PDB file of all heavy atoms in Angstrom:
ATOM      1  N   ARG A   1       0.847  -1.161   0.062  1.00  0.00           N
ATOM      2  CA  ARG A   1       0.020   0.034  -0.030  1.00  0.00           C
ATOM      3  C   ARG A   1       0.921   1.329   0.041  1.00  0.00           C
ATOM      4  O   ARG A   1       0.562   2.303  -0.699  1.00  0.00           O
ATOM      5  CB  ARG A   1      -0.859  -0.012   1.222  1.00  0.00           C
ATOM      6  CG  ARG A   1      -1.934  -1.194   1.221  1.00  0.00           C
ATOM      7  CD  ARG A   1      -3.067  -0.890   2.239  1.00  0.00           C
ATOM      8  NE  ARG A   1      -2.689  -0.665   3.508  1.00  0.00           N
ATOM      9  CZ  ARG A   1      -2.459  -1.602   4.443  1.00  0.00           C
ATOM     10  NH1 ARG A   1      -2.511  -2.881   4.043  1.00  0.00           N
ATOM     11  NH2 ARG A   1      -2.072  -1.402   5.690  1.00  0.00           N
ATOM     12  N   GLN A   2       2.031   1.241   0.742  1.00  0.00           N
ATOM     13  CA  GLN A   2       2.828   2.423   0.826  1.00  0.00           C
ATOM     14  C   GLN A   2       3.537   2.612  -0.485  1.00  0.00           C
ATOM     15  O   GLN A   2       3.894   3.758  -0.937  1.00  0.00           O
ATOM     16  CB  GLN A   2       3.770   2.250   2.046  1.00  0.00           C
ATOM     17  CG  GLN A   2       3.166   2.282   3.450  1.00  0.00           C
ATOM     18  CD  GLN A   2       4.115   1.925   4.438  1.00  0.00           C
ATOM     19  OE1 GLN A   2       5.327   1.570   4.192  1.00  0.00           O
ATOM     20  NE2 GLN A   2       3.568   1.843   5.703  1.00  0.00           N
ATOM     21  N   SER A   3       4.004   1.590  -1.199  1.00  0.00           N
ATOM     22  CA  SER A   3       4.787   1.698  -2.305  1.00  0.00           C
ATOM     23  C   SER A   3       3.933   1.706  -3.645  1.00  0.00           C
ATOM     24  O   SER A   3       4.454   1.944  -4.601  1.00  0.00           O
ATOM     25  CB  SER A   3       5.862   0.600  -2.469  1.00  0.00           C
ATOM     26  OG  SER A   3       5.143  -0.701  -2.650  1.00  0.00           O
ATOM     27  N   GLY A   4       2.604   1.439  -3.513  1.00  0.00           N
ATOM     28  CA  GLY A   4       1.857   1.379  -4.668  1.00  0.00           C
ATOM     29  C   GLY A   4       1.982   0.108  -5.471  1.00  0.00           C
ATOM     30  O   GLY A   4       1.753  -0.068  -6.666  1.00  0.00           O
ATOM     31  N   GLY A   5       2.523  -0.895  -4.771  1.00  0.00           N
ATOM     32  CA  GLY A   5       2.867  -2.217  -5.478  1.00  0.00           C
ATOM     33  C   GLY A   5       1.630  -3.005  -5.715  1.00  0.00           C
ATOM     34  O   GLY A   5       0.498  -2.682  -5.129  1.00  0.00           O
ATOM     35  N   PRO A   6       1.800  -4.052  -6.500  1.00  0.00           N
ATOM     36  CA  PRO A   6       0.585  -4.947  -6.826  1.00  0.00           C
ATOM     37  C   PRO A   6       0.163  -5.751  -5.610  1.00  0.00           C
ATOM     38  O   PRO A   6       0.917  -6.121  -4.772  1.00  0.00           O
ATOM     39  CB  PRO A   6       1.171  -5.800  -8.000  1.00  0.00           C
ATOM     40  CG  PRO A   6       2.558  -5.863  -7.746  1.00  0.00           C
ATOM     41  CD  PRO A   6       3.051  -4.565  -7.100  1.00  0.00           C
ATOM     42  N   PRO A   7      -1.081  -6.326  -5.717  1.00  0.00           N
ATOM     43  CA  PRO A   7      -1.560  -7.264  -4.558  1.00  0.00           C
ATOM     44  C   PRO A   7      -1.066  -8.606  -4.842  1.00  0.00           C
ATOM     45  O   PRO A   7      -0.598  -8.898  -5.903  1.00  0.00           O
ATOM     46  CB  PRO A   7      -3.024  -7.017  -4.630  1.00  0.00           C
ATOM     47  CG  PRO A   7      -3.348  -6.808  -6.155  1.00  0.00           C
ATOM     48  CD  PRO A   7      -2.185  -5.980  -6.555  1.00  0.00           C
ATOM     49  N   ILE A   8      -1.371  -9.486  -3.870  1.00  0.00           N
ATOM     50  CA  ILE A   8      -1.025 -10.900  -4.181  1.00  0.00           C
ATOM     51  C   ILE A   8      -2.438 -11.552  -4.064  1.00  0.00           C
ATOM     52  O   ILE A   8      -3.339 -11.111  -3.386  1.00  0.00           O
ATOM     53  CB  ILE A   8      -0.204 -11.598  -3.027  1.00  0.00           C
ATOM     54  CG1 ILE A   8      -0.673 -11.351  -1.665  1.00  0.00           C
ATOM     55  CG2 ILE A   8       1.235 -11.026  -3.244  1.00  0.00           C
ATOM     56  CD1 ILE A   8       0.120 -11.986  -0.575  1.00  0.00           C
ATOM     57  N   ASP A   9      -2.672 -12.660  -4.935  1.00  0.00           N
ATOM     58  CA  ASP A   9      -3.964 -13.422  -4.800  1.00  0.00           C
ATOM     59  C   ASP A   9      -3.722 -14.556  -3.848  1.00  0.00           C
ATOM     60  O   ASP A   9      -2.983 -15.450  -3.982  1.00  0.00           O
ATOM     61  CB  ASP A   9      -4.207 -13.918  -6.261  1.00  0.00           C
ATOM     62  CG  ASP A   9      -5.565 -14.651  -6.346  1.00  0.00           C
ATOM     63  OD1 ASP A   9      -6.165 -14.946  -5.259  1.00  0.00           O
ATOM     64  OD2 ASP A   9      -5.876 -15.126  -7.420  1.00  0.00           O
ATOM     65  N   LEU A  10      -4.618 -14.426  -2.706  1.00  0.00           N
ATOM     66  CA  LEU A  10      -4.385 -15.306  -1.549  1.00  0.00           C
ATOM     67  C   LEU A  10      -4.749 -16.743  -1.960  1.00  0.00           C
ATOM     68  O   LEU A  10      -4.460 -17.632  -1.249  1.00  0.00           O
ATOM     69  CB  LEU A  10      -5.326 -14.919  -0.437  1.00  0.00           C
ATOM     70  CG  LEU A  10      -4.846 -13.509   0.184  1.00  0.00           C
ATOM     71  CD1 LEU A  10      -5.829 -13.013   1.159  1.00  0.00           C
ATOM     72  CD2 LEU A  10      -3.489 -13.561   0.796  1.00  0.00           C
ATOM     73  N   LEU A  11      -5.531 -16.888  -3.031  1.00  0.00           N
ATOM     74  CA  LEU A  11      -5.877 -18.278  -3.394  1.00  0.00           C
ATOM     75  C   LEU A  11      -4.894 -18.911  -4.456  1.00  0.00           C
ATOM     76  O   LEU A  11      -5.035 -20.145  -4.622  1.00  0.00           O
ATOM     77  CB  LEU A  11      -7.335 -18.266  -4.170  1.00  0.00           C
ATOM     78  CG  LEU A  11      -8.441 -17.659  -3.325  1.00  0.00           C
ATOM     79  CD1 LEU A  11      -9.700 -17.750  -4.179  1.00  0.00           C
ATOM     80  CD2 LEU A  11      -8.537 -18.412  -2.098  1.00  0.00           C
ATOM     81  N   GLU A  12      -3.854 -18.107  -4.801  1.00  0.00           N
ATOM     82  CA  GLU A  12      -2.982 -18.607  -5.789  1.00  0.00           C
ATOM     83  C   GLU A  12      -1.485 -18.810  -5.248  1.00  0.00           C
ATOM     84  O   GLU A  12      -0.778 -19.544  -5.778  1.00  0.00           O
ATOM     85  CB  GLU A  12      -2.879 -17.799  -7.070  1.00  0.00           C
ATOM     86  CG  GLU A  12      -4.168 -17.711  -7.847  1.00  0.00           C
ATOM     87  CD  GLU A  12      -4.400 -19.038  -8.548  1.00  0.00           C
ATOM     88  OE1 GLU A  12      -3.475 -19.842  -8.851  1.00  0.00           O
ATOM     89  OE2 GLU A  12      -5.648 -19.418  -8.804  1.00  0.00           O
ATOM     90  N   ILE A  13      -1.216 -18.202  -4.175  1.00  0.00           N
ATOM     91  CA  ILE A  13       0.102 -18.206  -3.634  1.00  0.00           C
ATOM     92  C   ILE A  13       0.471 -19.552  -3.094  1.00  0.00           C
ATOM     93  O   ILE A  13      -0.472 -20.338  -2.670  1.00  0.00           O
ATOM     94  CB  ILE A  13       0.437 -17.149  -2.565  1.00  0.00           C
ATOM     95  CG1 ILE A  13      -0.500 -17.329  -1.345  1.00  0.00           C
ATOM     96  CG2 ILE A  13       0.307 -15.695  -3.155  1.00  0.00           C
ATOM     97  CD1 ILE A  13      -0.362 -16.375  -0.174  1.00  0.00           C
ATOM     98  N   PRO A  14       1.746 -19.993  -3.070  1.00  0.00           N
ATOM     99  CA  PRO A  14       2.127 -21.335  -2.463  1.00  0.00           C
ATOM    100  C   PRO A  14       1.832 -21.420  -0.938  1.00  0.00           C
ATOM    101  O   PRO A  14       1.571 -20.401  -0.381  1.00  0.00           O
ATOM    102  CB  PRO A  14       3.673 -21.294  -2.671  1.00  0.00           C
ATOM    103  CG  PRO A  14       3.978 -20.248  -3.717  1.00  0.00           C
ATOM    104  CD  PRO A  14       2.922 -19.243  -3.573  1.00  0.00           C
ATOM    105  N   ASP A  15       1.674 -22.608  -0.501  1.00  0.00           N
ATOM    106  CA  ASP A  15       1.349 -22.923   0.841  1.00  0.00           C
ATOM    107  C   ASP A  15       2.233 -22.223   1.855  1.00  0.00           C
ATOM    108  O   ASP A  15       1.887 -21.735   2.912  1.00  0.00           O
ATOM    109  CB  ASP A  15       1.144 -24.374   1.159  1.00  0.00           C
ATOM    110  CG  ASP A  15       0.017 -25.072   0.431  1.00  0.00           C
ATOM    111  OD1 ASP A  15      -0.965 -24.263   0.076  1.00  0.00           O
ATOM    112  OD2 ASP A  15       0.120 -26.293   0.279  1.00  0.00           O
ATOM    113  N   ARG A  16       3.598 -22.316   1.495  1.00  0.00           N
ATOM    114  CA  ARG A  16       4.567 -21.688   2.432  1.00  0.00           C
ATOM    115  C   ARG A  16       4.345 -20.183   2.596  1.00  0.00           C
ATOM    116  O   ARG A  16       4.564 -19.675   3.670  1.00  0.00           O
ATOM    117  CB  ARG A  16       5.956 -22.077   2.001  1.00  0.00           C
ATOM    118  CG  ARG A  16       6.974 -21.618   2.956  1.00  0.00           C
ATOM    119  CD  ARG A  16       8.438 -22.295   2.668  1.00  0.00           C
ATOM    120  NE  ARG A  16       9.263 -21.907   3.704  1.00  0.00           N
ATOM    121  CZ  ARG A  16       9.379 -22.427   4.864  1.00  0.00           C
ATOM    122  NH1 ARG A  16       8.631 -23.343   5.246  1.00  0.00           N
ATOM    123  NH2 ARG A  16      10.449 -22.026   5.737  1.00  0.00           N
ATOM    124  N   GLU A  17       4.009 -19.532   1.466  1.00  0.00           N
ATOM    125  CA  GLU A  17       3.850 -18.011   1.532  1.00  0.00           C
ATOM    126  C   GLU A  17       2.553 -17.843   2.362  1.00  0.00           C
ATOM    127  O   GLU A  17       2.502 -16.785   3.096  1.00  0.00           O
ATOM    128  CB  GLU A  17       3.624 -17.519   0.173  1.00  0.00           C
ATOM    129  CG  GLU A  17       3.643 -15.962   0.181  1.00  0.00           C
ATOM    130  CD  GLU A  17       3.731 -15.385  -1.242  1.00  0.00           C
ATOM    131  OE1 GLU A  17       3.914 -16.098  -2.253  1.00  0.00           O
ATOM    132  OE2 GLU A  17       3.491 -14.203  -1.335  1.00  0.00           O
ATOM    133  N   MET A  18       1.503 -18.684   2.208  1.00  0.00           N
ATOM    134  CA  MET A  18       0.274 -18.494   3.028  1.00  0.00           C
ATOM    135  C   MET A  18       0.606 -18.610   4.492  1.00  0.00           C
ATOM    136  O   MET A  18       0.071 -17.852   5.291  1.00  0.00           O
ATOM    137  CB  MET A  18      -0.764 -19.411   2.501  1.00  0.00           C
ATOM    138  CG  MET A  18      -2.119 -19.426   3.431  1.00  0.00           C
ATOM    139  SD  MET A  18      -2.774 -17.779   3.676  1.00  0.00           S
ATOM    140  CE  MET A  18      -3.386 -17.400   2.092  1.00  0.00           C
ATOM    141  N   LEU A  19       1.398 -19.502   4.828  1.00  0.00           N
ATOM    142  CA  LEU A  19       1.739 -19.820   6.261  1.00  0.00           C
ATOM    143  C   LEU A  19       2.416 -18.548   6.829  1.00  0.00           C
ATOM    144  O   LEU A  19       2.224 -18.188   7.993  1.00  0.00           O
ATOM    145  CB  LEU A  19       2.748 -21.042   6.397  1.00  0.00           C
ATOM    146  CG  LEU A  19       2.116 -22.361   6.243  1.00  0.00           C
ATOM    147  CD1 LEU A  19       3.188 -23.428   6.292  1.00  0.00           C
ATOM    148  CD2 LEU A  19       1.069 -22.546   7.376  1.00  0.00           C
ATOM    149  N   SER A  20       3.198 -17.744   6.026  1.00  0.00           N
ATOM    150  CA  SER A  20       3.893 -16.520   6.512  1.00  0.00           C
ATOM    151  C   SER A  20       2.869 -15.444   6.614  1.00  0.00           C
ATOM    152  O   SER A  20       3.118 -14.517   7.390  1.00  0.00           O
ATOM    153  CB  SER A  20       5.066 -16.187   5.487  1.00  0.00           C
ATOM    154  OG  SER A  20       4.513 -15.717   4.292  1.00  0.00           O
ATOM    155  N   ILE A  21       1.798 -15.473   6.003  1.00  0.00           N
ATOM    156  CA  ILE A  21       0.745 -14.436   6.044  1.00  0.00           C
ATOM    157  C   ILE A  21      -0.275 -14.682   7.113  1.00  0.00           C
ATOM    158  O   ILE A  21      -0.649 -13.818   7.839  1.00  0.00           O
ATOM    159  CB  ILE A  21       0.096 -14.258   4.656  1.00  0.00           C
ATOM    160  CG1 ILE A  21       1.006 -13.760   3.567  1.00  0.00           C
ATOM    161  CG2 ILE A  21      -1.208 -13.303   4.778  1.00  0.00           C
ATOM    162  CD1 ILE A  21       0.473 -13.689   2.155  1.00  0.00           C
ATOM    163  N   ARG A  22      -0.693 -15.844   7.157  1.00  0.00           N
ATOM    164  CA  ARG A  22      -1.777 -16.384   8.148  1.00  0.00           C
ATOM    165  C   ARG A  22      -1.161 -16.138   9.609  1.00  0.00           C
ATOM    166  O   ARG A  22      -0.229 -16.731   9.995  1.00  0.00           O
ATOM    167  CB  ARG A  22      -2.074 -17.765   7.987  1.00  0.00           C
ATOM    168  CG  ARG A  22      -3.214 -18.291   8.828  1.00  0.00           C
ATOM    169  CD  ARG A  22      -3.362 -19.799   8.759  1.00  0.00           C
ATOM    170  NE  ARG A  22      -3.655 -20.205   7.421  1.00  0.00           N
ATOM    171  CZ  ARG A  22      -3.255 -21.315   6.812  1.00  0.00           C
ATOM    172  NH1 ARG A  22      -2.342 -22.082   7.510  1.00  0.00           N
ATOM    173  NH2 ARG A  22      -3.486 -21.637   5.623  1.00  0.00           N
ATOM    174  N   GLY A  23      -1.978 -15.370  10.367  1.00  0.00           N
ATOM    175  CA  GLY A  23      -1.479 -15.145  11.810  1.00  0.00           C
ATOM    176  C   GLY A  23      -0.503 -13.862  11.829  1.00  0.00           C
ATOM    177  O   GLY A  23      -0.342 -13.355  12.947  1.00  0.00           O
ATOM    178  N   ASP A  24       0.010 -13.362  10.730  1.00  0.00           N
ATOM    179  CA  ASP A  24       0.849 -12.243  10.703  1.00  0.00           C
ATOM    180  C   ASP A  24       0.285 -11.044   9.991  1.00  0.00           C
ATOM    181  O   ASP A  24      -0.093 -10.149  10.667  1.00  0.00           O
ATOM    182  CB  ASP A  24       2.197 -12.610  10.021  1.00  0.00           C
ATOM    183  CG  ASP A  24       3.199 -11.553  10.026  1.00  0.00           C
ATOM    184  OD1 ASP A  24       3.136 -10.643  10.852  1.00  0.00           O
ATOM    185  OD2 ASP A  24       4.156 -11.653   9.244  1.00  0.00           O
ATOM    186  N   ARG A  25       0.100 -11.127   8.747  1.00  0.00           N
ATOM    187  CA  ARG A  25      -0.557 -10.092   8.010  1.00  0.00           C
ATOM    188  C   ARG A  25      -2.095 -10.087   8.044  1.00  0.00           C
ATOM    189  O   ARG A  25      -2.735  -9.116   8.036  1.00  0.00           O
ATOM    190  CB  ARG A  25      -0.099 -10.001   6.600  1.00  0.00           C
ATOM    191  CG  ARG A  25       1.460  -9.728   6.328  1.00  0.00           C
ATOM    192  CD  ARG A  25       1.936  -8.412   6.910  1.00  0.00           C
ATOM    193  NE  ARG A  25       2.175  -8.546   8.335  1.00  0.00           N
ATOM    194  CZ  ARG A  25       2.068  -7.567   9.166  1.00  0.00           C
ATOM    195  NH1 ARG A  25       1.473  -6.365   8.875  1.00  0.00           N
ATOM    196  NH2 ARG A  25       2.438  -7.700  10.430  1.00  0.00           N
ATOM    197  N   ILE A  26      -2.577 -11.390   8.101  1.00  0.00           N
ATOM    198  CA  ILE A  26      -4.014 -11.533   8.234  1.00  0.00           C
ATOM    199  C   ILE A  26      -4.276 -12.489   9.485  1.00  0.00           C
ATOM    200  O   ILE A  26      -3.749 -13.560   9.501  1.00  0.00           O
ATOM    201  CB  ILE A  26      -4.629 -12.196   6.949  1.00  0.00           C
ATOM    202  CG1 ILE A  26      -4.417 -11.330   5.742  1.00  0.00           C
ATOM    203  CG2 ILE A  26      -6.174 -12.430   7.216  1.00  0.00           C
ATOM    204  CD1 ILE A  26      -4.877 -11.974   4.483  1.00  0.00           C
ATOM    205  N   ALA A  27      -5.077 -12.043  10.343  1.00  0.00           N
ATOM    206  CA  ALA A  27      -5.354 -12.838  11.597  1.00  0.00           C
ATOM    207  C   ALA A  27      -6.844 -12.990  11.770  1.00  0.00           C
ATOM    208  O   ALA A  27      -7.650 -12.197  11.247  1.00  0.00           O
ATOM    209  CB  ALA A  27      -4.701 -12.107  12.819  1.00  0.00           C
ATOM    210  N   MET A  28      -7.230 -14.043  12.540  1.00  0.00           N
ATOM    211  CA  MET A  28      -8.759 -14.351  12.693  1.00  0.00           C
ATOM    212  C   MET A  28      -8.984 -14.555  14.117  1.00  0.00           C
ATOM    213  O   MET A  28      -8.282 -15.316  14.781  1.00  0.00           O
ATOM    214  CB  MET A  28      -9.043 -15.520  11.806  1.00  0.00           C
ATOM    215  CG  MET A  28     -10.499 -15.781  11.737  1.00  0.00           C
ATOM    216  SD  MET A  28     -10.961 -16.910  10.353  1.00  0.00           S
ATOM    217  CE  MET A  28     -12.714 -16.944  10.537  1.00  0.00           C
ATOM    218  N   ILE A  29     -10.106 -14.002  14.573  1.00  0.00           N
ATOM    219  CA  ILE A  29     -10.637 -14.361  15.871  1.00  0.00           C
ATOM    220  C   ILE A  29     -11.852 -15.237  15.582  1.00  0.00           C
ATOM    221  O   ILE A  29     -12.822 -14.884  15.033  1.00  0.00           O
ATOM    222  CB  ILE A  29     -11.135 -13.118  16.705  1.00  0.00           C
ATOM    223  CG1 ILE A  29     -10.066 -12.111  16.693  1.00  0.00           C
ATOM    224  CG2 ILE A  29     -11.757 -13.442  18.055  1.00  0.00           C
ATOM    225  CD1 ILE A  29     -10.515 -10.701  17.364  1.00  0.00           C
ATOM    226  N   PHE A  30     -11.752 -16.500  16.137  1.00  0.00           N
ATOM    227  CA  PHE A  30     -12.716 -17.469  15.868  1.00  0.00           C
ATOM    228  C   PHE A  30     -13.919 -17.377  16.760  1.00  0.00           C
ATOM    229  O   PHE A  30     -13.836 -16.789  17.792  1.00  0.00           O
ATOM    230  CB  PHE A  30     -12.147 -18.868  15.877  1.00  0.00           C
ATOM    231  CG  PHE A  30     -11.137 -19.112  14.802  1.00  0.00           C
ATOM    232  CD1 PHE A  30      -9.762 -18.897  15.034  1.00  0.00           C
ATOM    233  CD2 PHE A  30     -11.526 -19.607  13.564  1.00  0.00           C
ATOM    234  CE1 PHE A  30      -8.776 -19.161  14.118  1.00  0.00           C
ATOM    235  CE2 PHE A  30     -10.517 -19.786  12.601  1.00  0.00           C
ATOM    236  CZ  PHE A  30      -9.234 -19.584  12.820  1.00  0.00           C
TER     237      PHE A  30
END
């Protein structure tokens, strides 16, 4: 957002990249 860079498609990224996002950049209260 700060650099105006492109987004990532959360449904297409590899599992390992999703692991680095889940709980860090995107978190969930169940």
